[in-house]
Amino acid sequence: MPDPSATKVHIANGLVAAAALVAITTPLAATAELRLGLDSAPYPPFYEANPSGEFEGWEIDVGNALCAAMNEECEWVGVAWDGIIPALVANKIDAIVGSMSITEERLQTIDFSEKYYNTPAAVVAAKSSDIDNDPASLAGKIVGVQVSTTHQNYVEANFESVADQVKTYQNFDEHNQDLVSGRVDAVVGDSLAFQSFLESPEGSEFEVKGNLSDDTIFGPGVGVGIRKGESELVEKFNAAIAEIRANGTYEEISNRYFDFDIYGGS
């Protein structure tokens, strides 16, 4: 009569061997699913939802390339901009890939990867106006800016002549609409993000009046926002950014949207 214990050993050994075979023959799958947060409001050409509700744009393509380089399955999650850092801290998303500038103020709450692009801020106003990037030219004017952004911080710190006449908006498009309707005299935001607006029929009467510079406020560029203490994820994003820049993926994506180097130097 067969020894039951011996049978169990043979079965166990068979299961181990089968498991080893599966491990050898099955291709590596993505290691995890990352929830990438971005502003739920459109911010072209970086990102906006298409008629099917899916996000598309330069930053979406770059974010997807980073996920591929990290062998990660990623999901895009829209969050109101002024709640996006709280959403990250509360573990509702895993990373912010949504044109967030690396600043000392934000670094007190979250960590960042290395930058993956950098473009200057700008003042936009009617072509017929005498407004420029000199605060004196904005005296008595109403300035629009998106809330909880480095652009709001810059206006509040540098445009003292309009300190009591700054209108804040939940998203970028809203202040552009008020500029067209005449509710504000000028708006401050990312120079590249203004591109689509200025090329549109409604934006044809407006132009960039001057760029703004302040490393303390704007920081070194835009990075991936990551929760404090998740240094391994920071390093994974850093390695992925370096990889897609080295293998030509970053350039190939950028050339579909821009005719200049969006990375902004070394």
C-alpha atoms as a PDB file:
ATOM      1  CA  MET A   1       0.000   0.000   0.000  1.00  0.00           C
ATOM      2  CA  PRO A   2       1.493   3.390  -0.988  1.00  0.00           C
ATOM      3  CA  ASP A   3       2.785   5.623   1.786  1.00  0.00           C
ATOM      4  CA  PRO A   4       0.359   8.637   1.993  1.00  0.00           C
ATOM      5  CA  SER A   5       3.129  10.896   3.255  1.00  0.00           C
ATOM      6  CA  ALA A   6       5.281  10.043   0.244  1.00  0.00           C
ATOM      7  CA  THR A   7       2.372  10.883  -2.058  1.00  0.00           C
ATOM      8  CA  LYS A   8       2.018  14.277  -0.380  1.00  0.00           C
ATOM      9  CA  VAL A   9       5.714  14.950  -0.876  1.00  0.00           C
ATOM     10  CA  HIS A  10       5.476  14.093  -4.581  1.00  0.00           C
ATOM     11  CA  ILE A  11       2.428  16.345  -4.994  1.00  0.00           C
ATOM     12  CA  ALA A  12       4.101  19.195  -3.137  1.00  0.00           C
ATOM     13  CA  ASN A  13       7.250  18.839  -5.230  1.00  0.00           C
ATOM     14  CA  GLY A  14       5.109  18.837  -8.353  1.00  0.00           C
ATOM     15  CA  LEU A  15       3.390  22.052  -7.339  1.00  0.00           C
ATOM     16  CA  VAL A  16       6.729  23.736  -6.634  1.00  0.00           C
ATOM     17  CA  ALA A  17       8.051  22.652 -10.013  1.00  0.00           C
ATOM     18  CA  ALA A  18       4.894  23.897 -11.768  1.00  0.00           C
ATOM     19  CA  ALA A  19       5.122  27.211  -9.977  1.00  0.00           C
ATOM     20  CA  ALA A  20       8.760  27.552 -10.996  1.00  0.00           C
ATOM     21  CA  LEU A  21       7.853  26.778 -14.623  1.00  0.00           C
ATOM     22  CA  VAL A  22       5.137  29.452 -14.585  1.00  0.00           C
ATOM     23  CA  ALA A  23       7.570  31.954 -13.099  1.00  0.00           C
ATOM     24  CA  ILE A  24      10.072  31.182 -15.858  1.00  0.00           C
ATOM     25  CA  THR A  25       7.667  31.117 -18.816  1.00  0.00           C
ATOM     26  CA  THR A  26       5.267  33.944 -17.873  1.00  0.00           C
ATOM     27  CA  PRO A  27       6.348  37.417 -19.106  1.00  0.00           C
ATOM     28  CA  LEU A  28       6.933  40.014 -16.438  1.00  0.00           C
ATOM     29  CA  ALA A  29       3.737  41.937 -15.730  1.00  0.00           C
ATOM     30  CA  ALA A  30       3.509  45.530 -14.516  1.00  0.00           C
ATOM     31  CA  THR A  31       4.466  45.630 -10.868  1.00  0.00           C
ATOM     32  CA  ALA A  32       1.648  47.860  -9.656  1.00  0.00           C
ATOM     33  CA  GLU A  33      -1.002  50.360 -10.645  1.00  0.00           C
ATOM     34  CA  LEU A  34      -0.175  54.014 -10.098  1.00  0.00           C
ATOM     35  CA  ARG A  35      -2.877  56.656  -9.905  1.00  0.00           C
ATOM     36  CA  LEU A  36      -1.549  59.787 -11.603  1.00  0.00           C
ATOM     37  CA  GLY A  37      -3.342  62.966 -10.526  1.00  0.00           C
ATOM     38  CA  LEU A  38      -3.820  66.090 -12.624  1.00  0.00           C
ATOM     39  CA  ASP A  39      -6.175  69.062 -12.702  1.00  0.00           C
ATOM     40  CA  SER A  40      -9.667  67.984 -13.738  1.00  0.00           C
ATOM     41  CA  ALA A  41      -9.998  71.234 -15.741  1.00  0.00           C
ATOM     42  CA  PRO A  42      -8.445  71.370 -19.248  1.00  0.00           C
ATOM     43  CA  TYR A  43      -4.894  72.697 -19.565  1.00  0.00           C
ATOM     44  CA  PRO A  44      -3.951  72.349 -23.247  1.00  0.00           C
ATOM     45  CA  PRO A  45      -1.577  71.490 -24.790  1.00  0.00           C
ATOM     46  CA  PHE A  46      -0.525  69.620 -21.646  1.00  0.00           C
ATOM     47  CA  TYR A  47      -3.785  67.779 -20.980  1.00  0.00           C
ATOM     48  CA  GLU A  48      -7.529  67.870 -21.564  1.00  0.00           C
ATOM     49  CA  ALA A  49     -10.328  65.324 -21.771  1.00  0.00           C
ATOM     50  CA  ASN A  50     -11.460  64.226 -25.227  1.00  0.00           C
ATOM     51  CA  PRO A  51     -15.144  63.598 -26.076  1.00  0.00           C
ATOM     52  CA  SER A  52     -14.781  60.059 -24.694  1.00  0.00           C
ATOM     53  CA  GLY A  53     -13.654  61.446 -21.347  1.00  0.00           C
ATOM     54  CA  GLU A  54     -10.078  60.217 -21.727  1.00  0.00           C
ATOM     55  CA  PHE A  55      -7.182  62.583 -21.041  1.00  0.00           C
ATOM     56  CA  GLU A  56      -4.844  63.430 -23.893  1.00  0.00           C
ATOM     57  CA  GLY A  57      -2.039  65.909 -24.561  1.00  0.00           C
ATOM     58  CA  TRP A  58       1.719  66.297 -24.220  1.00  0.00           C
ATOM     59  CA  GLU A  59       1.817  65.577 -20.496  1.00  0.00           C
ATOM     60  CA  ILE A  60      -0.380  62.498 -20.887  1.00  0.00           C
ATOM     61  CA  ASP A  61       1.937  61.090 -23.554  1.00  0.00           C
ATOM     62  CA  VAL A  62       5.000  61.818 -21.412  1.00  0.00           C
ATOM     63  CA  GLY A  63       3.331  60.370 -18.302  1.00  0.00           C
ATOM     64  CA  ASN A  64       2.409  57.189 -20.169  1.00  0.00           C
ATOM     65  CA  ALA A  65       5.994  56.912 -21.435  1.00  0.00           C
ATOM     66  CA  LEU A  66       7.285  57.243 -17.871  1.00  0.00           C
ATOM     67  CA  CYS A  67       4.926  54.474 -16.734  1.00  0.00           C
ATOM     68  CA  ALA A  68       6.129  52.218 -19.557  1.00  0.00           C
ATOM     69  CA  ALA A  69       9.752  52.896 -18.594  1.00  0.00           C
ATOM     70  CA  MET A  70       8.946  51.951 -14.988  1.00  0.00           C
ATOM     71  CA  ASN A  71       6.893  48.881 -16.048  1.00  0.00           C
ATOM     72  CA  GLU A  72       3.906  50.315 -14.188  1.00  0.00           C
ATOM     73  CA  GLU A  73       0.198  50.216 -14.999  1.00  0.00           C
ATOM     74  CA  CYS A  74      -1.061  53.780 -14.612  1.00  0.00           C
ATOM     75  CA  GLU A  75      -4.471  55.383 -14.290  1.00  0.00           C
ATOM     76  CA  TRP A  76      -5.152  59.113 -14.790  1.00  0.00           C
ATOM     77  CA  VAL A  77      -7.293  60.769 -12.114  1.00  0.00           C
ATOM     78  CA  GLY A  78      -8.724  64.284 -12.419  1.00  0.00           C
ATOM     79  CA  VAL A  79      -8.722  66.343  -9.207  1.00  0.00           C
ATOM     80  CA  ALA A  80      -9.613  70.003  -8.565  1.00  0.00           C
ATOM     81  CA  TRP A  81      -6.305  71.848  -8.566  1.00  0.00           C
ATOM     82  CA  ASP A  82      -6.588  73.370  -5.103  1.00  0.00           C
ATOM     83  CA  GLY A  83      -7.255  69.902  -3.679  1.00  0.00           C
ATOM     84  CA  ILE A  84      -4.615  67.939  -5.560  1.00  0.00           C
ATOM     85  CA  ILE A  85      -1.865  68.029  -2.895  1.00  0.00           C
ATOM     86  CA  PRO A  86      -4.344  67.052  -0.142  1.00  0.00           C
ATOM     87  CA  ALA A  87      -5.485  64.181  -2.389  1.00  0.00           C
ATOM     88  CA  LEU A  88      -1.891  62.989  -2.716  1.00  0.00           C
ATOM     89  CA  VAL A  89      -1.237  63.236   1.017  1.00  0.00           C
ATOM     90  CA  ALA A  90      -4.500  61.369   1.733  1.00  0.00           C
ATOM     91  CA  ASN A  91      -3.448  58.523  -0.605  1.00  0.00           C
ATOM     92  CA  LYS A  92      -6.269  59.157  -3.079  1.00  0.00           C
ATOM     93  CA  ILE A  93      -3.636  59.409  -5.822  1.00  0.00           C
ATOM     94  CA  ASP A  94      -0.039  58.158  -5.948  1.00  0.00           C
ATOM     95  CA  ALA A  95       1.689  60.933  -7.868  1.00  0.00           C
ATOM     96  CA  ILE A  96       0.952  64.330  -9.399  1.00  0.00           C
ATOM     97  CA  VAL A  97       1.819  64.518 -13.100  1.00  0.00           C
ATOM     98  CA  GLY A  98       0.015  67.742 -13.873  1.00  0.00           C
ATOM     99  CA  SER A  99       2.328  70.700 -14.535  1.00  0.00           C
ATOM    100  CA  MET A 100       3.165  71.295 -10.877  1.00  0.00           C
ATOM    101  CA  SER A 101       6.220  73.481 -10.318  1.00  0.00           C
ATOM    102  CA  ILE A 102       8.840  72.390  -7.809  1.00  0.00           C
ATOM    103  CA  THR A 103       8.884  75.051  -5.083  1.00  0.00           C
ATOM    104  CA  GLU A 104      10.273  75.337  -1.573  1.00  0.00           C
ATOM    105  CA  GLU A 105       6.768  75.883  -0.231  1.00  0.00           C
ATOM    106  CA  ARG A 106       5.447  72.652  -1.757  1.00  0.00           C
ATOM    107  CA  LEU A 107       8.565  70.728  -0.722  1.00  0.00           C
ATOM    108  CA  GLN A 108       7.527  71.267   2.872  1.00  0.00           C
ATOM    109  CA  THR A 109       4.507  69.029   2.226  1.00  0.00           C
ATOM    110  CA  ILE A 110       5.471  66.672  -0.604  1.00  0.00           C
ATOM    111  CA  ASP A 111       8.554  65.483  -2.490  1.00  0.00           C
ATOM    112  CA  PHE A 112       9.314  65.859  -6.192  1.00  0.00           C
ATOM    113  CA  SER A 113      11.148  64.045  -8.936  1.00  0.00           C
ATOM    114  CA  GLU A 114      13.669  65.871 -11.077  1.00  0.00           C
ATOM    115  CA  LYS A 115      12.051  68.327 -13.487  1.00  0.00           C
ATOM    116  CA  TYR A 116      10.571  67.077 -16.736  1.00  0.00           C
ATOM    117  CA  TYR A 117       9.890  70.497 -18.286  1.00  0.00           C
ATOM    118  CA  ASN A 118      10.262  74.204 -17.610  1.00  0.00           C
ATOM    119  CA  THR A 119       8.634  77.178 -19.318  1.00  0.00           C
ATOM    120  CA  PRO A 120       8.416  80.792 -18.108  1.00  0.00           C
ATOM    121  CA  ALA A 121       5.388  82.534 -16.651  1.00  0.00           C
ATOM    122  CA  ALA A 122       3.876  85.401 -18.608  1.00  0.00           C
ATOM    123  CA  VAL A 123       1.526  88.374 -18.467  1.00  0.00           C
ATOM    124  CA  VAL A 124      -1.159  88.362 -21.165  1.00  0.00           C
ATOM    125  CA  ALA A 125      -3.326  91.375 -22.023  1.00  0.00           C
ATOM    126  CA  ALA A 126      -4.974  93.084 -24.987  1.00  0.00           C
ATOM    127  CA  LYS A 127      -2.633  93.997 -27.820  1.00  0.00           C
ATOM    128  CA  SER A 128      -3.953  97.543 -27.633  1.00  0.00           C
ATOM    129  CA  SER A 129      -3.083  97.989 -23.951  1.00  0.00           C
ATOM    130  CA  ASP A 130       0.101  99.470 -22.509  1.00  0.00           C
ATOM    131  CA  ILE A 131       0.386  96.707 -19.903  1.00  0.00           C
ATOM    132  CA  ASP A 132       3.695  94.835 -19.645  1.00  0.00           C
ATOM    133  CA  ASN A 133       5.559  92.828 -17.008  1.00  0.00           C
ATOM    134  CA  ASP A 134       6.385  95.975 -15.010  1.00  0.00           C
ATOM    135  CA  PRO A 135       4.144  96.098 -11.907  1.00  0.00           C
ATOM    136  CA  ALA A 136       3.729  99.856 -12.436  1.00  0.00           C
ATOM    137  CA  SER A 137       1.901  99.205 -15.715  1.00  0.00           C
ATOM    138  CA  LEU A 138      -0.725  97.235 -13.794  1.00  0.00           C
ATOM    139  CA  ALA A 139      -1.562  99.970 -11.306  1.00  0.00           C
ATOM    140  CA  GLY A 140      -5.341 100.274 -11.066  1.00  0.00           C
ATOM    141  CA  LYS A 141      -5.845  97.200 -13.270  1.00  0.00           C
ATOM    142  CA  ILE A 142      -7.609  93.944 -12.405  1.00  0.00           C
ATOM    143  CA  VAL A 143      -5.401  90.878 -12.771  1.00  0.00           C
ATOM    144  CA  GLY A 144      -6.702  87.307 -13.071  1.00  0.00           C
ATOM    145  CA  VAL A 145      -4.776  84.265 -11.899  1.00  0.00           C
ATOM    146  CA  GLN A 146      -5.495  80.601 -11.113  1.00  0.00           C
ATOM    147  CA  VAL A 147      -5.776  79.853  -7.400  1.00  0.00           C
ATOM    148  CA  SER A 148      -3.126  77.811  -5.549  1.00  0.00           C
ATOM    149  CA  THR A 149      -0.486  78.288  -8.252  1.00  0.00           C
ATOM    150  CA  THR A 150       2.996  79.750  -8.348  1.00  0.00           C
ATOM    151  CA  HIS A 151       1.509  82.425 -10.598  1.00  0.00           C
ATOM    152  CA  GLN A 152      -0.807  83.559  -7.806  1.00  0.00           C
ATOM    153  CA  ASN A 153       2.169  83.586  -5.431  1.00  0.00           C
ATOM    154  CA  TYR A 154       4.140  85.744  -7.869  1.00  0.00           C
ATOM    155  CA  VAL A 155       1.343  88.255  -8.346  1.00  0.00           C
ATOM    156  CA  GLU A 156       0.790  88.592  -4.606  1.00  0.00           C
ATOM    157  CA  ALA A 157       4.517  89.035  -3.957  1.00  0.00           C
ATOM    158  CA  ASN A 158       5.399  91.380  -6.808  1.00  0.00           C
ATOM    159  CA  PHE A 159       2.303  93.249  -8.004  1.00  0.00           C
ATOM    160  CA  GLU A 160       1.653  95.325  -4.900  1.00  0.00           C
ATOM    161  CA  SER A 161      -0.034  98.005  -6.995  1.00  0.00           C
ATOM    162  CA  VAL A 162      -2.917  95.585  -7.696  1.00  0.00           C
ATOM    163  CA  ALA A 163      -2.895  93.681  -4.415  1.00  0.00           C
ATOM    164  CA  ASP A 164      -6.556  94.473  -3.771  1.00  0.00           C
ATOM    165  CA  GLN A 165      -7.612  93.890  -7.383  1.00  0.00           C
ATOM    166  CA  VAL A 166      -6.496  90.312  -7.991  1.00  0.00           C
ATOM    167  CA  LYS A 167      -9.213  87.861  -9.052  1.00  0.00           C
ATOM    168  CA  THR A 168      -8.557  84.175  -8.492  1.00  0.00           C
ATOM    169  CA  TYR A 169     -10.058  81.370 -10.547  1.00  0.00           C
ATOM    170  CA  GLN A 170     -10.425  77.624 -10.102  1.00  0.00           C
ATOM    171  CA  ASN A 171      -8.973  76.880 -13.515  1.00  0.00           C
ATOM    172  CA  PHE A 172      -6.938  78.373 -16.334  1.00  0.00           C
ATOM    173  CA  ASP A 173      -9.758  78.693 -18.867  1.00  0.00           C
ATOM    174  CA  GLU A 174     -11.931  80.723 -16.500  1.00  0.00           C
ATOM    175  CA  HIS A 175      -9.534  83.647 -16.257  1.00  0.00           C
ATOM    176  CA  ASN A 176      -8.994  83.605 -20.026  1.00  0.00           C
ATOM    177  CA  GLN A 177     -12.762  83.861 -20.518  1.00  0.00           C
ATOM    178  CA  ASP A 178     -12.941  86.830 -18.156  1.00  0.00           C
ATOM    179  CA  LEU A 179     -10.077  88.472 -20.035  1.00  0.00           C
ATOM    180  CA  VAL A 180     -12.061  88.179 -23.275  1.00  0.00           C
ATOM    181  CA  SER A 181     -15.217  89.515 -21.617  1.00  0.00           C
ATOM    182  CA  GLY A 182     -13.344  92.458 -20.092  1.00  0.00           C
ATOM    183  CA  ARG A 183     -13.828  91.470 -16.452  1.00  0.00           C
ATOM    184  CA  VAL A 184     -10.063  91.504 -15.945  1.00  0.00           C
ATOM    185  CA  ASP A 185      -7.394  93.601 -17.656  1.00  0.00           C
ATOM    186  CA  ALA A 186      -4.601  91.032 -17.635  1.00  0.00           C
ATOM    187  CA  VAL A 187      -3.930  87.426 -16.647  1.00  0.00           C
ATOM    188  CA  VAL A 188      -0.796  85.706 -15.401  1.00  0.00           C
ATOM    189  CA  GLY A 189       0.020  82.062 -16.173  1.00  0.00           C
ATOM    190  CA  ASP A 190       2.337  79.653 -17.957  1.00  0.00           C
ATOM    191  CA  SER A 191       3.499  81.126 -21.275  1.00  0.00           C
ATOM    192  CA  LEU A 192       3.144  77.830 -23.118  1.00  0.00           C
ATOM    193  CA  ALA A 193      -0.309  77.121 -21.727  1.00  0.00           C
ATOM    194  CA  PHE A 194      -1.420  80.461 -23.190  1.00  0.00           C
ATOM    195  CA  GLN A 195      -0.403  79.308 -26.671  1.00  0.00           C
ATOM    196  CA  SER A 196      -3.687  77.599 -27.579  1.00  0.00           C
ATOM    197  CA  PHE A 197      -5.731  80.537 -26.272  1.00  0.00           C
ATOM    198  CA  LEU A 198      -3.703  83.147 -28.192  1.00  0.00           C
ATOM    199  CA  GLU A 199      -4.004  81.126 -31.407  1.00  0.00           C
ATOM    200  CA  SER A 200      -7.789  80.815 -31.048  1.00  0.00           C
ATOM    201  CA  PRO A 201     -10.283  83.300 -32.573  1.00  0.00           C
ATOM    202  CA  GLU A 202     -11.308  84.596 -29.128  1.00  0.00           C
ATOM    203  CA  GLY A 203      -7.684  85.131 -28.120  1.00  0.00           C
ATOM    204  CA  SER A 204      -6.585  86.843 -31.310  1.00  0.00           C
ATOM    205  CA  GLU A 205      -6.801  90.336 -29.788  1.00  0.00           C
ATOM    206  CA  PHE A 206      -4.429  89.426 -26.940  1.00  0.00           C
ATOM    207  CA  GLU A 207      -0.706  88.789 -26.634  1.00  0.00           C
ATOM    208  CA  VAL A 208       2.097  87.982 -24.211  1.00  0.00           C
ATOM    209  CA  LYS A 209       3.186  91.310 -22.733  1.00  0.00           C
ATOM    210  CA  GLY A 210       6.245  89.978 -20.981  1.00  0.00           C
ATOM    211  CA  ASN A 211       7.720  86.972 -19.204  1.00  0.00           C
ATOM    212  CA  LEU A 212       8.199  86.749 -15.443  1.00  0.00           C
ATOM    213  CA  SER A 213      11.203  85.349 -13.591  1.00  0.00           C
ATOM    214  CA  ASP A 214      11.685  84.475  -9.930  1.00  0.00           C
ATOM    215  CA  ASP A 215      13.512  81.233  -9.072  1.00  0.00           C
ATOM    216  CA  THR A 216      12.416  81.463  -5.444  1.00  0.00           C
ATOM    217  CA  ILE A 217       8.735  81.374  -6.424  1.00  0.00           C
ATOM    218  CA  PHE A 218       8.725  79.406  -9.680  1.00  0.00           C
ATOM    219  CA  GLY A 219      11.485  76.960  -8.780  1.00  0.00           C
ATOM    220  CA  PRO A 220      13.634  74.960 -11.242  1.00  0.00           C
ATOM    221  CA  GLY A 221      10.749  73.578 -13.286  1.00  0.00           C
ATOM    222  CA  VAL A 222       7.886  71.082 -13.238  1.00  0.00           C
ATOM    223  CA  GLY A 223       8.341  67.705 -11.513  1.00  0.00           C
ATOM    224  CA  VAL A 224       6.299  64.708 -10.430  1.00  0.00           C
ATOM    225  CA  GLY A 225       4.786  65.302  -6.988  1.00  0.00           C
ATOM    226  CA  ILE A 226       5.165  62.336  -4.618  1.00  0.00           C
ATOM    227  CA  ARG A 227       4.249  61.716  -0.978  1.00  0.00           C
ATOM    228  CA  LYS A 228       6.901  62.339   1.657  1.00  0.00           C
ATOM    229  CA  GLY A 229       8.875  59.238   2.540  1.00  0.00           C
ATOM    230  CA  GLU A 230       8.358  57.444  -0.797  1.00  0.00           C
ATOM    231  CA  SER A 231      11.978  57.825  -1.902  1.00  0.00           C
ATOM    232  CA  GLU A 232      11.886  54.623  -3.963  1.00  0.00           C
ATOM    233  CA  LEU A 233       9.094  56.021  -6.152  1.00  0.00           C
ATOM    234  CA  VAL A 234      10.974  59.310  -6.511  1.00  0.00           C
ATOM    235  CA  GLU A 235      14.027  57.426  -7.769  1.00  0.00           C
ATOM    236  CA  LYS A 236      11.894  55.342 -10.154  1.00  0.00           C
ATOM    237  CA  PHE A 237      10.467  58.496 -11.727  1.00  0.00           C
ATOM    238  CA  ASN A 238      13.933  60.085 -11.893  1.00  0.00           C
ATOM    239  CA  ALA A 239      15.302  57.017 -13.670  1.00  0.00           C
ATOM    240  CA  ALA A 240      12.322  56.976 -16.051  1.00  0.00           C
ATOM    241  CA  ILE A 241      12.722  60.675 -16.899  1.00  0.00           C
ATOM    242  CA  ALA A 242      16.415  60.109 -17.625  1.00  0.00           C
ATOM    243  CA  GLU A 243      15.589  57.029 -19.736  1.00  0.00           C
ATOM    244  CA  ILE A 244      12.979  58.627 -22.001  1.00  0.00           C
ATOM    245  CA  ARG A 245      15.225  61.653 -22.543  1.00  0.00           C
ATOM    246  CA  ALA A 246      18.202  59.435 -23.375  1.00  0.00           C
ATOM    247  CA  ASN A 247      16.389  57.052 -25.748  1.00  0.00           C
ATOM    248  CA  GLY A 248      14.649  59.771 -27.784  1.00  0.00           C
ATOM    249  CA  THR A 249      11.101  59.136 -26.553  1.00  0.00           C
ATOM    250  CA  TYR A 250      10.819  62.522 -24.838  1.00  0.00           C
ATOM    251  CA  GLU A 251      12.005  64.357 -27.952  1.00  0.00           C
ATOM    252  CA  GLU A 252       9.719  62.354 -30.238  1.00  0.00           C
ATOM    253  CA  ILE A 253       6.677  63.187 -28.084  1.00  0.00           C
ATOM    254  CA  SER A 254       7.622  66.855 -27.718  1.00  0.00           C
ATOM    255  CA  ASN A 255       8.163  67.312 -31.452  1.00  0.00           C
ATOM    256  CA  ARG A 256       4.501  66.399 -32.011  1.00  0.00           C
ATOM    257  CA  TYR A 257       3.434  69.417 -29.946  1.00  0.00           C
ATOM    258  CA  PHE A 258       6.218  72.025 -29.933  1.00  0.00           C
ATOM    259  CA  ASP A 259       8.855  73.460 -32.218  1.00  0.00           C
ATOM    260  CA  PHE A 260      11.291  74.235 -29.383  1.00  0.00           C
ATOM    261  CA  ASP A 261      12.896  72.474 -26.420  1.00  0.00           C
ATOM    262  CA  ILE A 262      10.294  72.426 -23.641  1.00  0.00           C
ATOM    263  CA  TYR A 263      12.768  70.864 -21.218  1.00  0.00           C
ATOM    264  CA  GLY A 264      14.374  74.267 -20.717  1.00  0.00           C
ATOM    265  CA  GLY A 265      18.096  73.534 -20.658  1.00  0.00           C
ATOM    266  CA  SER A 266      20.096  71.254 -18.447  1.00  0.00           C
END
